[in-house]
Amino acid sequence: MAKRMAGRHSKLEAIRCLKRYIAREVFTLICQWQNEIDQARIAA
């Protein structure tokens, strides 16, 4: 957050960037988990 605020972003913009980062990471994990479930169904 300090990095974003040092780059002339406001506190709210920095928080928004962090939320986006978290959302991308969670979405990736969910997609990977779903692919594993699908593969397990195919194998069964």
PDB file of N, CA and C in Angstrom:
ATOM      1  N   MET A   1       0.828  -1.179   0.000  1.00  0.00           N
ATOM      2  CA  MET A   1       0.000   0.000   0.000  1.00  0.00           C
ATOM      3  C   MET A   1       0.878   1.249   0.000  1.00  0.00           C
ATOM      4  N   ALA A   2       1.968   1.189   0.753  1.00  0.00           N
ATOM      5  CA  ALA A   2       2.878   2.338   0.798  1.00  0.00           C
ATOM      6  C   ALA A   2       3.464   2.602  -0.591  1.00  0.00           C
ATOM      7  N   LYS A   3       3.706   1.518  -1.332  1.00  0.00           N
ATOM      8  CA  LYS A   3       4.252   1.668  -2.680  1.00  0.00           C
ATOM      9  C   LYS A   3       3.271   2.416  -3.577  1.00  0.00           C
ATOM     10  N   ARG A   4       2.006   2.070  -3.477  1.00  0.00           N
ATOM     11  CA  ARG A   4       0.987   2.733  -4.302  1.00  0.00           C
ATOM     12  C   ARG A   4       0.829   4.205  -3.908  1.00  0.00           C
ATOM     13  N   MET A   5       0.814   4.459  -2.620  1.00  0.00           N
ATOM     14  CA  MET A   5       0.623   5.837  -2.169  1.00  0.00           C
ATOM     15  C   MET A   5       1.841   6.693  -2.514  1.00  0.00           C
ATOM     16  N   ALA A   6       3.021   6.085  -2.556  1.00  0.00           N
ATOM     17  CA  ALA A   6       4.216   6.821  -2.951  1.00  0.00           C
ATOM     18  C   ALA A   6       4.165   7.163  -4.444  1.00  0.00           C
ATOM     19  N   GLY A   7       3.428   6.366  -5.200  1.00  0.00           N
ATOM     20  CA  GLY A   7       3.287   6.588  -6.632  1.00  0.00           C
ATOM     21  C   GLY A   7       2.155   7.538  -6.971  1.00  0.00           C
ATOM     22  N   ARG A   8       1.812   8.417  -6.075  1.00  0.00           N
ATOM     23  CA  ARG A   8       0.780   9.461  -6.274  1.00  0.00           C
ATOM     24  C   ARG A   8      -0.641   8.912  -6.340  1.00  0.00           C
ATOM     25  N   HIS A   9      -0.875   7.771  -5.770  1.00  0.00           N
ATOM     26  CA  HIS A   9      -2.240   7.241  -5.676  1.00  0.00           C
ATOM     27  C   HIS A   9      -2.805   7.650  -4.323  1.00  0.00           C
ATOM     28  N   SER A  10      -4.115   7.866  -4.291  1.00  0.00           N
ATOM     29  CA  SER A  10      -4.757   8.163  -3.015  1.00  0.00           C
ATOM     30  C   SER A  10      -4.909   6.861  -2.232  1.00  0.00           C
ATOM     31  N   LYS A  11      -5.291   6.985  -0.996  1.00  0.00           N
ATOM     32  CA  LYS A  11      -5.476   5.803  -0.154  1.00  0.00           C
ATOM     33  C   LYS A  11      -6.560   4.895  -0.726  1.00  0.00           C
ATOM     34  N   LEU A  12      -7.651   5.479  -1.201  1.00  0.00           N
ATOM     35  CA  LEU A  12      -8.735   4.672  -1.771  1.00  0.00           C
ATOM     36  C   LEU A  12      -8.300   3.955  -3.045  1.00  0.00           C
ATOM     37  N   GLU A  13      -7.495   4.615  -3.869  1.00  0.00           N
ATOM     38  CA  GLU A  13      -6.995   3.967  -5.080  1.00  0.00           C
ATOM     39  C   GLU A  13      -6.051   2.821  -4.727  1.00  0.00           C
ATOM     40  N   ALA A  14      -5.245   3.004  -3.710  1.00  0.00           N
ATOM     41  CA  ALA A  14      -4.335   1.951  -3.271  1.00  0.00           C
ATOM     42  C   ALA A  14      -5.113   0.745  -2.763  1.00  0.00           C
ATOM     43  N   ILE A  15      -6.159   0.988  -2.008  1.00  0.00           N
ATOM     44  CA  ILE A  15      -7.001  -0.099  -1.493  1.00  0.00           C
ATOM     45  C   ILE A  15      -7.686  -0.825  -2.654  1.00  0.00           C
ATOM     46  N   ARG A  16      -8.155  -0.061  -3.634  1.00  0.00           N
ATOM     47  CA  ARG A  16      -8.801  -0.669  -4.800  1.00  0.00           C
ATOM     48  C   ARG A  16      -7.830  -1.576  -5.554  1.00  0.00           C
ATOM     49  N   CYS A  17      -6.589  -1.132  -5.703  1.00  0.00           N
ATOM     50  CA  CYS A  17      -5.572  -1.951  -6.374  1.00  0.00           C
ATOM     51  C   CYS A  17      -5.332  -3.246  -5.610  1.00  0.00           C
ATOM     52  N   LEU A  18      -5.283  -3.154  -4.284  1.00  0.00           N
ATOM     53  CA  LEU A  18      -5.084  -4.356  -3.480  1.00  0.00           C
ATOM     54  C   LEU A  18      -6.266  -5.318  -3.623  1.00  0.00           C
ATOM     55  N   LYS A  19      -7.472  -4.778  -3.653  1.00  0.00           N
ATOM     56  CA  LYS A  19      -8.657  -5.627  -3.823  1.00  0.00           C
ATOM     57  C   LYS A  19      -8.626  -6.339  -5.172  1.00  0.00           C
ATOM     58  N   ARG A  20      -8.212  -5.638  -6.204  1.00  0.00           N
ATOM     59  CA  ARG A  20      -8.119  -6.257  -7.527  1.00  0.00           C
ATOM     60  C   ARG A  20      -7.101  -7.383  -7.526  1.00  0.00           C
ATOM     61  N   TYR A  21      -5.960  -7.148  -6.881  1.00  0.00           N
ATOM     62  CA  TYR A  21      -4.921  -8.162  -6.801  1.00  0.00           C
ATOM     63  C   TYR A  21      -5.451  -9.405  -6.098  1.00  0.00           C
ATOM     64  N   ILE A  22      -6.126  -9.201  -4.979  1.00  0.00           N
ATOM     65  CA  ILE A  22      -6.688 -10.326  -4.227  1.00  0.00           C
ATOM     66  C   ILE A  22      -7.725 -11.060  -5.064  1.00  0.00           C
ATOM     67  N   ALA A  23      -8.583 -10.320  -5.758  1.00  0.00           N
ATOM     68  CA  ALA A  23      -9.618 -10.936  -6.588  1.00  0.00           C
ATOM     69  C   ALA A  23      -9.005 -11.791  -7.690  1.00  0.00           C
ATOM     70  N   ARG A  24      -7.931 -11.298  -8.323  1.00  0.00           N
ATOM     71  CA  ARG A  24      -7.265 -12.089  -9.371  1.00  0.00           C
ATOM     72  C   ARG A  24      -6.701 -13.379  -8.808  1.00  0.00           C
ATOM     73  N   GLU A  25      -6.076 -13.298  -7.651  1.00  0.00           N
ATOM     74  CA  GLU A  25      -5.480 -14.482  -7.037  1.00  0.00           C
ATOM     75  C   GLU A  25      -6.558 -15.509  -6.664  1.00  0.00           C
ATOM     76  N   VAL A  26      -7.649 -15.052  -6.074  1.00  0.00           N
ATOM     77  CA  VAL A  26      -8.731 -15.947  -5.663  1.00  0.00           C
ATOM     78  C   VAL A  26      -9.383 -16.576  -6.897  1.00  0.00           C
ATOM     79  N   PHE A  27      -9.596 -15.792  -7.937  1.00  0.00           N
ATOM     80  CA  PHE A  27     -10.200 -16.321  -9.156  1.00  0.00           C
ATOM     81  C   PHE A  27      -9.330 -17.415  -9.755  1.00  0.00           C
ATOM     82  N   THR A  28      -8.019 -17.202  -9.779  1.00  0.00           N
ATOM     83  CA  THR A  28      -7.093 -18.208 -10.299  1.00  0.00           C
ATOM     84  C   THR A  28      -7.186 -19.498  -9.491  1.00  0.00           C
ATOM     85  N   LEU A  29      -7.226 -19.380  -8.177  1.00  0.00           N
ATOM     86  CA  LEU A  29      -7.336 -20.565  -7.327  1.00  0.00           C
ATOM     87  C   LEU A  29      -8.643 -21.310  -7.562  1.00  0.00           C
ATOM     88  N   ILE A  30      -9.729 -20.573  -7.710  1.00  0.00           N
ATOM     89  CA  ILE A  30     -11.026 -21.204  -7.953  1.00  0.00           C
ATOM     90  C   ILE A  30     -11.017 -21.939  -9.291  1.00  0.00           C
ATOM     91  N   CYS A  31     -10.432 -21.331 -10.317  1.00  0.00           N
ATOM     92  CA  CYS A  31     -10.363 -21.983 -11.632  1.00  0.00           C
ATOM     93  C   CYS A  31      -9.531 -23.253 -11.568  1.00  0.00           C
ATOM     94  N   GLN A  32      -8.406 -23.203 -10.876  1.00  0.00           N
ATOM     95  CA  GLN A  32      -7.569 -24.392 -10.738  1.00  0.00           C
ATOM     96  C   GLN A  32      -8.312 -25.489  -9.988  1.00  0.00           C
ATOM     97  N   TRP A  33      -9.005 -25.120  -8.936  1.00  0.00           N
ATOM     98  CA  TRP A  33      -9.767 -26.086  -8.141  1.00  0.00           C
ATOM     99  C   TRP A  33     -10.862 -26.723  -8.997  1.00  0.00           C
ATOM    100  N   GLN A  34     -11.538 -25.911  -9.793  1.00  0.00           N
ATOM    101  CA  GLN A  34     -12.609 -26.424 -10.650  1.00  0.00           C
ATOM    102  C   GLN A  34     -12.049 -27.378 -11.696  1.00  0.00           C
ATOM    103  N   ASN A  35     -10.890 -27.059 -12.252  1.00  0.00           N
ATOM    104  CA  ASN A  35     -10.268 -27.951 -13.238  1.00  0.00           C
ATOM    105  C   ASN A  35      -9.902 -29.285 -12.610  1.00  0.00           C
ATOM    106  N   GLU A  36      -9.421 -29.273 -11.391  1.00  0.00           N
ATOM    107  CA  GLU A  36      -9.091 -30.519 -10.702  1.00  0.00           C
ATOM    108  C   GLU A  36     -10.333 -31.364 -10.469  1.00  0.00           C
ATOM    109  N   ILE A  37     -11.426 -30.727 -10.098  1.00  0.00           N
ATOM    110  CA  ILE A  37     -12.692 -31.446  -9.902  1.00  0.00           C
ATOM    111  C   ILE A  37     -13.157 -32.059 -11.210  1.00  0.00           C
ATOM    112  N   ASP A  38     -13.093 -31.283 -12.307  1.00  0.00           N
ATOM    113  CA  ASP A  38     -13.516 -31.790 -13.607  1.00  0.00           C
ATOM    114  C   ASP A  38     -12.675 -32.978 -14.049  1.00  0.00           C
ATOM    115  N   GLN A  39     -11.366 -32.895 -13.832  1.00  0.00           N
ATOM    116  CA  GLN A  39     -10.478 -34.002 -14.198  1.00  0.00           C
ATOM    117  C   GLN A  39     -10.775 -35.246 -13.373  1.00  0.00           C
ATOM    118  N   ALA A  40     -11.094 -35.064 -12.109  1.00  0.00           N
ATOM    119  CA  ALA A  40     -11.425 -36.199 -11.243  1.00  0.00           C
ATOM    120  C   ALA A  40     -12.723 -36.869 -11.714  1.00  0.00           C
ATOM    121  N   ARG A  41     -13.676 -36.070 -12.184  1.00  0.00           N
ATOM    122  CA  ARG A  41     -14.927 -36.639 -12.690  1.00  0.00           C
ATOM    123  C   ARG A  41     -14.687 -37.424 -13.966  1.00  0.00           C
ATOM    124  N   ILE A  42     -13.814 -36.922 -14.829  1.00  0.00           N
ATOM    125  CA  ILE A  42     -13.511 -37.622 -16.083  1.00  0.00           C
ATOM    126  C   ILE A  42     -12.813 -38.946 -15.793  1.00  0.00           C
ATOM    127  N   ALA A  43     -11.903 -38.939 -14.839  1.00  0.00           N
ATOM    128  CA  ALA A  43     -11.130 -40.130 -14.510  1.00  0.00           C
ATOM    129  C   ALA A  43     -11.993 -41.204 -13.838  1.00  0.00           C
ATOM    130  N   ALA A  44     -13.055 -40.763 -13.165  1.00  0.00           N
ATOM    131  CA  ALA A  44     -13.877 -41.719 -12.403  1.00  0.00           C
ATOM    132  C   ALA A  44     -14.842 -42.470 -13.262  1.00  0.00           C
TER     133      ALA A  44
END
